Amino acid sequence: MSAKNYETMVVFSVANGEEAVQALIEKFKAMIEAEGTLESIDEWGKRKLAYPINDEPEGYYAIYNYSAEPEFPAELDRVFKITDGVLRSLIIAKEEK
C-alpha cells in the first residue's frame, strides 16, 4: 500500500484562547508526523464563521497538507470528533498528478 496525499482543514474553537488553539495545532501536527509525512501547515488564523457553531461566531482555521497511508484519515477524523476545541474538520484526498 502506498501513501496518498491529503488536505485537511480544521476549524478550532477560539473560546479557550490562542494557547489552546496552538496546543491543538501541535497535537495534530505530531499525530500526522507520527503516521505520515507532513508537507505544510497553512494557518489562516481567526476568521468569522458563516454561521455560529456551538454559539461561537469565530473559529481559527488551519490547513494541513500531508501524505499518509489510506487508513490514517479515518483515525484522524475520529480523533477530531472526540477532541474538545475542534468545531469542524474536513479531510480531502488530493488527486494524484
N, C-alpha and C. Protein backbone atom coordinates (compact mmCIF):
# COMPACT_ATOMS: atom_id res chain seq x y z
N MET A 1 0.85 -1.19 0.00
CA MET A 1 0.00 0.00 0.00
C MET A 1 0.89 1.25 0.00
N SER A 2 0.56 2.20 -0.84
CA SER A 2 1.40 3.39 -0.88
C SER A 2 0.65 4.58 -0.28
N ALA A 3 1.44 5.54 0.17
CA ALA A 3 0.87 6.73 0.80
C ALA A 3 0.13 7.57 -0.24
N LYS A 4 -0.93 8.23 0.22
CA LYS A 4 -1.70 9.13 -0.63
C LYS A 4 -1.59 10.54 -0.03
N ASN A 5 -1.86 11.53 -0.88
CA ASN A 5 -1.80 12.92 -0.43
C ASN A 5 -3.17 13.38 0.07
N TYR A 6 -3.15 14.10 1.18
CA TYR A 6 -4.39 14.60 1.77
C TYR A 6 -4.26 16.07 2.15
N GLU A 7 -5.42 16.72 2.17
CA GLU A 7 -5.51 18.09 2.69
C GLU A 7 -6.61 18.06 3.75
N THR A 8 -6.30 18.56 4.91
CA THR A 8 -7.27 18.56 5.99
C THR A 8 -7.44 19.98 6.53
N MET A 9 -8.68 20.46 6.50
CA MET A 9 -8.97 21.77 7.08
C MET A 9 -9.65 21.55 8.42
N VAL A 10 -9.17 22.26 9.42
CA VAL A 10 -9.75 22.16 10.75
C VAL A 10 -10.11 23.55 11.23
N VAL A 11 -11.30 23.67 11.82
CA VAL A 11 -11.71 24.93 12.45
C VAL A 11 -11.70 24.69 13.95
N PHE A 12 -10.80 25.38 14.63
CA PHE A 12 -10.67 25.24 16.07
C PHE A 12 -11.46 26.33 16.79
N SER A 13 -11.94 26.01 17.98
CA SER A 13 -12.63 26.97 18.83
C SER A 13 -11.61 27.98 19.36
N VAL A 14 -12.00 29.26 19.39
CA VAL A 14 -11.12 30.28 19.97
C VAL A 14 -11.58 30.65 21.38
N ALA A 15 -12.60 29.95 21.88
CA ALA A 15 -13.16 30.28 23.19
C ALA A 15 -12.15 30.09 24.33
N ASN A 16 -11.21 29.15 24.16
CA ASN A 16 -10.24 28.87 25.23
C ASN A 16 -8.93 29.62 25.06
N GLY A 17 -8.87 30.52 24.08
CA GLY A 17 -7.68 31.35 23.90
C GLY A 17 -6.70 30.79 22.89
N GLU A 18 -5.74 31.66 22.50
CA GLU A 18 -4.73 31.32 21.49
C GLU A 18 -3.86 30.13 21.88
N GLU A 19 -3.50 30.04 23.18
CA GLU A 19 -2.62 28.94 23.61
C GLU A 19 -3.30 27.59 23.39
N ALA A 20 -4.58 27.53 23.66
CA ALA A 20 -5.33 26.28 23.47
C ALA A 20 -5.37 25.90 21.99
N VAL A 21 -5.53 26.89 21.13
CA VAL A 21 -5.55 26.65 19.68
C VAL A 21 -4.19 26.12 19.23
N GLN A 22 -3.12 26.79 19.65
CA GLN A 22 -1.77 26.37 19.26
C GLN A 22 -1.45 24.97 19.77
N ALA A 23 -1.92 24.65 20.97
CA ALA A 23 -1.69 23.32 21.54
C ALA A 23 -2.37 22.25 20.68
N LEU A 24 -3.59 22.54 20.20
CA LEU A 24 -4.30 21.59 19.34
C LEU A 24 -3.63 21.46 17.98
N ILE A 25 -3.16 22.58 17.43
CA ILE A 25 -2.45 22.53 16.15
C ILE A 25 -1.22 21.63 16.27
N GLU A 26 -0.48 21.80 17.37
CA GLU A 26 0.71 20.97 17.61
C GLU A 26 0.35 19.51 17.82
N LYS A 27 -0.75 19.27 18.54
CA LYS A 27 -1.18 17.89 18.80
C LYS A 27 -1.43 17.15 17.49
N PHE A 28 -2.17 17.79 16.57
CA PHE A 28 -2.50 17.12 15.31
C PHE A 28 -1.29 17.07 14.38
N LYS A 29 -0.42 18.07 14.49
CA LYS A 29 0.83 18.05 13.72
C LYS A 29 1.64 16.81 14.12
N ALA A 30 1.77 16.59 15.41
CA ALA A 30 2.53 15.43 15.91
C ALA A 30 1.86 14.12 15.48
N MET A 31 0.55 14.09 15.52
CA MET A 31 -0.18 12.88 15.14
C MET A 31 0.05 12.55 13.66
N ILE A 32 -0.01 13.58 12.81
CA ILE A 32 0.21 13.38 11.37
C ILE A 32 1.66 12.95 11.12
N GLU A 33 2.60 13.61 11.79
CA GLU A 33 4.02 13.27 11.59
C GLU A 33 4.33 11.85 12.04
N ALA A 34 3.61 11.36 13.04
CA ALA A 34 3.83 10.00 13.53
C ALA A 34 3.36 8.96 12.52
N GLU A 35 2.35 9.32 11.72
CA GLU A 35 1.75 8.36 10.79
C GLU A 35 2.11 8.59 9.32
N GLY A 36 2.62 9.77 9.01
CA GLY A 36 2.88 10.08 7.61
C GLY A 36 3.91 11.18 7.46
N THR A 37 3.86 11.89 6.34
CA THR A 37 4.79 12.97 6.05
C THR A 37 4.02 14.27 5.95
N LEU A 38 4.29 15.18 6.87
CA LEU A 38 3.62 16.49 6.86
C LEU A 38 4.37 17.41 5.90
N GLU A 39 3.64 17.93 4.90
CA GLU A 39 4.27 18.83 3.94
C GLU A 39 4.19 20.28 4.41
N SER A 40 3.00 20.67 4.89
CA SER A 40 2.85 22.06 5.34
C SER A 40 1.63 22.22 6.24
N ILE A 41 1.69 23.27 7.06
CA ILE A 41 0.52 23.70 7.82
C ILE A 41 0.30 25.15 7.43
N ASP A 42 -0.86 25.43 6.88
CA ASP A 42 -1.21 26.78 6.46
C ASP A 42 -2.22 27.32 7.48
N GLU A 43 -1.77 28.24 8.32
CA GLU A 43 -2.68 28.80 9.33
C GLU A 43 -3.33 30.06 8.78
N TRP A 44 -4.65 29.99 8.62
CA TRP A 44 -5.39 31.16 8.15
C TRP A 44 -5.72 32.09 9.31
N GLY A 45 -5.62 31.58 10.53
CA GLY A 45 -5.90 32.41 11.69
C GLY A 45 -7.38 32.50 12.02
N LYS A 46 -7.71 33.51 12.81
CA LYS A 46 -9.07 33.68 13.28
C LYS A 46 -9.93 34.31 12.20
N ARG A 47 -11.07 33.67 11.92
CA ARG A 47 -11.99 34.17 10.90
C ARG A 47 -13.41 34.11 11.44
N LYS A 48 -14.23 34.99 10.91
CA LYS A 48 -15.65 34.95 11.26
C LYS A 48 -16.27 33.75 10.54
N LEU A 49 -17.06 32.98 11.26
CA LEU A 49 -17.72 31.82 10.66
C LEU A 49 -18.95 32.27 9.88
N ALA A 50 -19.33 31.50 8.88
CA ALA A 50 -20.52 31.82 8.08
C ALA A 50 -21.77 31.79 8.96
N TYR A 51 -21.75 30.90 9.94
CA TYR A 51 -22.85 30.82 10.91
C TYR A 51 -22.24 30.32 12.22
N PRO A 52 -22.82 30.71 13.37
CA PRO A 52 -22.24 30.28 14.65
C PRO A 52 -22.27 28.75 14.81
N ILE A 53 -21.18 28.20 15.32
CA ILE A 53 -21.12 26.78 15.65
C ILE A 53 -20.96 26.73 17.17
N ASN A 54 -21.84 26.00 17.84
CA ASN A 54 -21.83 25.95 19.31
C ASN A 54 -21.84 27.35 19.91
N ASP A 55 -22.63 28.25 19.34
CA ASP A 55 -22.74 29.65 19.78
C ASP A 55 -21.44 30.43 19.65
N GLU A 56 -20.50 29.96 18.84
CA GLU A 56 -19.24 30.69 18.63
C GLU A 56 -19.25 31.34 17.25
N PRO A 57 -19.05 32.68 17.21
CA PRO A 57 -19.10 33.38 15.92
C PRO A 57 -17.79 33.30 15.13
N GLU A 58 -16.67 32.93 15.80
CA GLU A 58 -15.37 32.88 15.14
C GLU A 58 -14.70 31.54 15.35
N GLY A 59 -13.81 31.22 14.42
CA GLY A 59 -13.02 30.00 14.54
C GLY A 59 -11.62 30.25 14.03
N TYR A 60 -10.69 29.39 14.40
CA TYR A 60 -9.30 29.50 13.95
C TYR A 60 -9.07 28.41 12.92
N TYR A 61 -8.74 28.82 11.70
CA TYR A 61 -8.59 27.87 10.60
C TYR A 61 -7.14 27.44 10.44
N ALA A 62 -6.95 26.14 10.23
CA ALA A 62 -5.63 25.61 9.90
C ALA A 62 -5.81 24.52 8.84
N ILE A 63 -4.90 24.51 7.87
CA ILE A 63 -4.95 23.51 6.80
C ILE A 63 -3.65 22.72 6.81
N TYR A 64 -3.80 21.41 6.94
CA TYR A 64 -2.65 20.51 6.94
C TYR A 64 -2.56 19.83 5.57
N ASN A 65 -1.38 19.84 4.96
CA ASN A 65 -1.13 19.08 3.73
C ASN A 65 -0.13 17.99 4.08
N TYR A 66 -0.49 16.75 3.79
CA TYR A 66 0.37 15.64 4.18
C TYR A 66 0.12 14.42 3.31
N SER A 67 1.02 13.46 3.42
CA SER A 67 0.79 12.16 2.78
C SER A 67 0.82 11.11 3.88
N ALA A 68 -0.06 10.14 3.73
CA ALA A 68 -0.18 9.07 4.74
C ALA A 68 -0.82 7.86 4.10
N GLU A 69 -0.79 6.75 4.82
CA GLU A 69 -1.45 5.54 4.35
C GLU A 69 -2.97 5.78 4.31
N PRO A 70 -3.70 5.10 3.42
CA PRO A 70 -5.14 5.34 3.27
C PRO A 70 -5.98 5.10 4.52
N GLU A 71 -5.49 4.31 5.49
CA GLU A 71 -6.28 4.06 6.71
C GLU A 71 -6.22 5.23 7.69
N PHE A 72 -5.19 6.05 7.59
CA PHE A 72 -4.96 7.10 8.59
C PHE A 72 -6.05 8.17 8.68
N PRO A 73 -6.57 8.70 7.56
CA PRO A 73 -7.59 9.77 7.68
C PRO A 73 -8.80 9.40 8.52
N ALA A 74 -9.23 8.16 8.47
CA ALA A 74 -10.39 7.74 9.27
C ALA A 74 -10.08 7.86 10.76
N GLU A 75 -8.88 7.47 11.15
CA GLU A 75 -8.46 7.59 12.55
C GLU A 75 -8.34 9.06 12.96
N LEU A 76 -7.77 9.87 12.06
CA LEU A 76 -7.63 11.31 12.32
C LEU A 76 -9.01 11.94 12.52
N ASP A 77 -9.94 11.58 11.64
CA ASP A 77 -11.31 12.11 11.72
C ASP A 77 -11.96 11.71 13.04
N ARG A 78 -11.75 10.48 13.47
CA ARG A 78 -12.32 10.00 14.74
C ARG A 78 -11.79 10.85 15.90
N VAL A 79 -10.49 11.14 15.88
CA VAL A 79 -9.89 11.95 16.95
C VAL A 79 -10.42 13.39 16.91
N PHE A 80 -10.58 13.94 15.70
CA PHE A 80 -11.17 15.29 15.59
C PHE A 80 -12.54 15.34 16.26
N LYS A 81 -13.36 14.32 16.02
CA LYS A 81 -14.73 14.31 16.52
C LYS A 81 -14.81 14.24 18.05
N ILE A 82 -13.80 13.64 18.69
CA ILE A 82 -13.84 13.49 20.16
C ILE A 82 -12.96 14.51 20.88
N THR A 83 -12.37 15.44 20.13
CA THR A 83 -11.48 16.44 20.74
C THR A 83 -12.23 17.73 21.02
N ASP A 84 -12.23 18.15 22.29
CA ASP A 84 -12.80 19.46 22.63
C ASP A 84 -11.96 20.53 21.96
N GLY A 85 -12.62 21.53 21.40
CA GLY A 85 -11.88 22.62 20.77
C GLY A 85 -11.85 22.50 19.26
N VAL A 86 -12.29 21.37 18.71
CA VAL A 86 -12.40 21.23 17.25
C VAL A 86 -13.87 21.44 16.88
N LEU A 87 -14.14 22.52 16.16
CA LEU A 87 -15.52 22.82 15.76
C LEU A 87 -15.92 22.03 14.52
N ARG A 88 -15.04 22.03 13.51
CA ARG A 88 -15.31 21.31 12.26
C ARG A 88 -14.00 20.82 11.68
N SER A 89 -14.10 19.74 10.91
CA SER A 89 -12.92 19.27 10.17
C SER A 89 -13.37 18.67 8.85
N LEU A 90 -12.48 18.75 7.87
CA LEU A 90 -12.77 18.20 6.55
C LEU A 90 -11.48 17.61 5.99
N ILE A 91 -11.52 16.34 5.64
CA ILE A 91 -10.35 15.66 5.09
C ILE A 91 -10.62 15.37 3.62
N ILE A 92 -9.70 15.83 2.76
CA ILE A 92 -9.85 15.65 1.33
C ILE A 92 -8.66 14.86 0.81
N ALA A 93 -8.94 13.82 0.02
CA ALA A 93 -7.87 13.09 -0.67
C ALA A 93 -7.57 13.88 -1.95
N LYS A 94 -6.31 14.27 -2.13
CA LYS A 94 -5.93 15.01 -3.33
C LYS A 94 -5.73 14.08 -4.49
N GLU A 95 -5.98 14.59 -5.67
CA GLU A 95 -5.77 13.79 -6.89
C GLU A 95 -4.28 13.61 -7.11
N GLU A 96 -3.92 12.42 -7.58
CA GLU A 96 -2.52 12.18 -7.93
C GLU A 96 -2.22 12.92 -9.23
N LYS A 97 -1.05 13.53 -9.29
CA LYS A 97 -0.69 14.29 -10.51
C LYS A 97 -0.09 13.35 -11.53
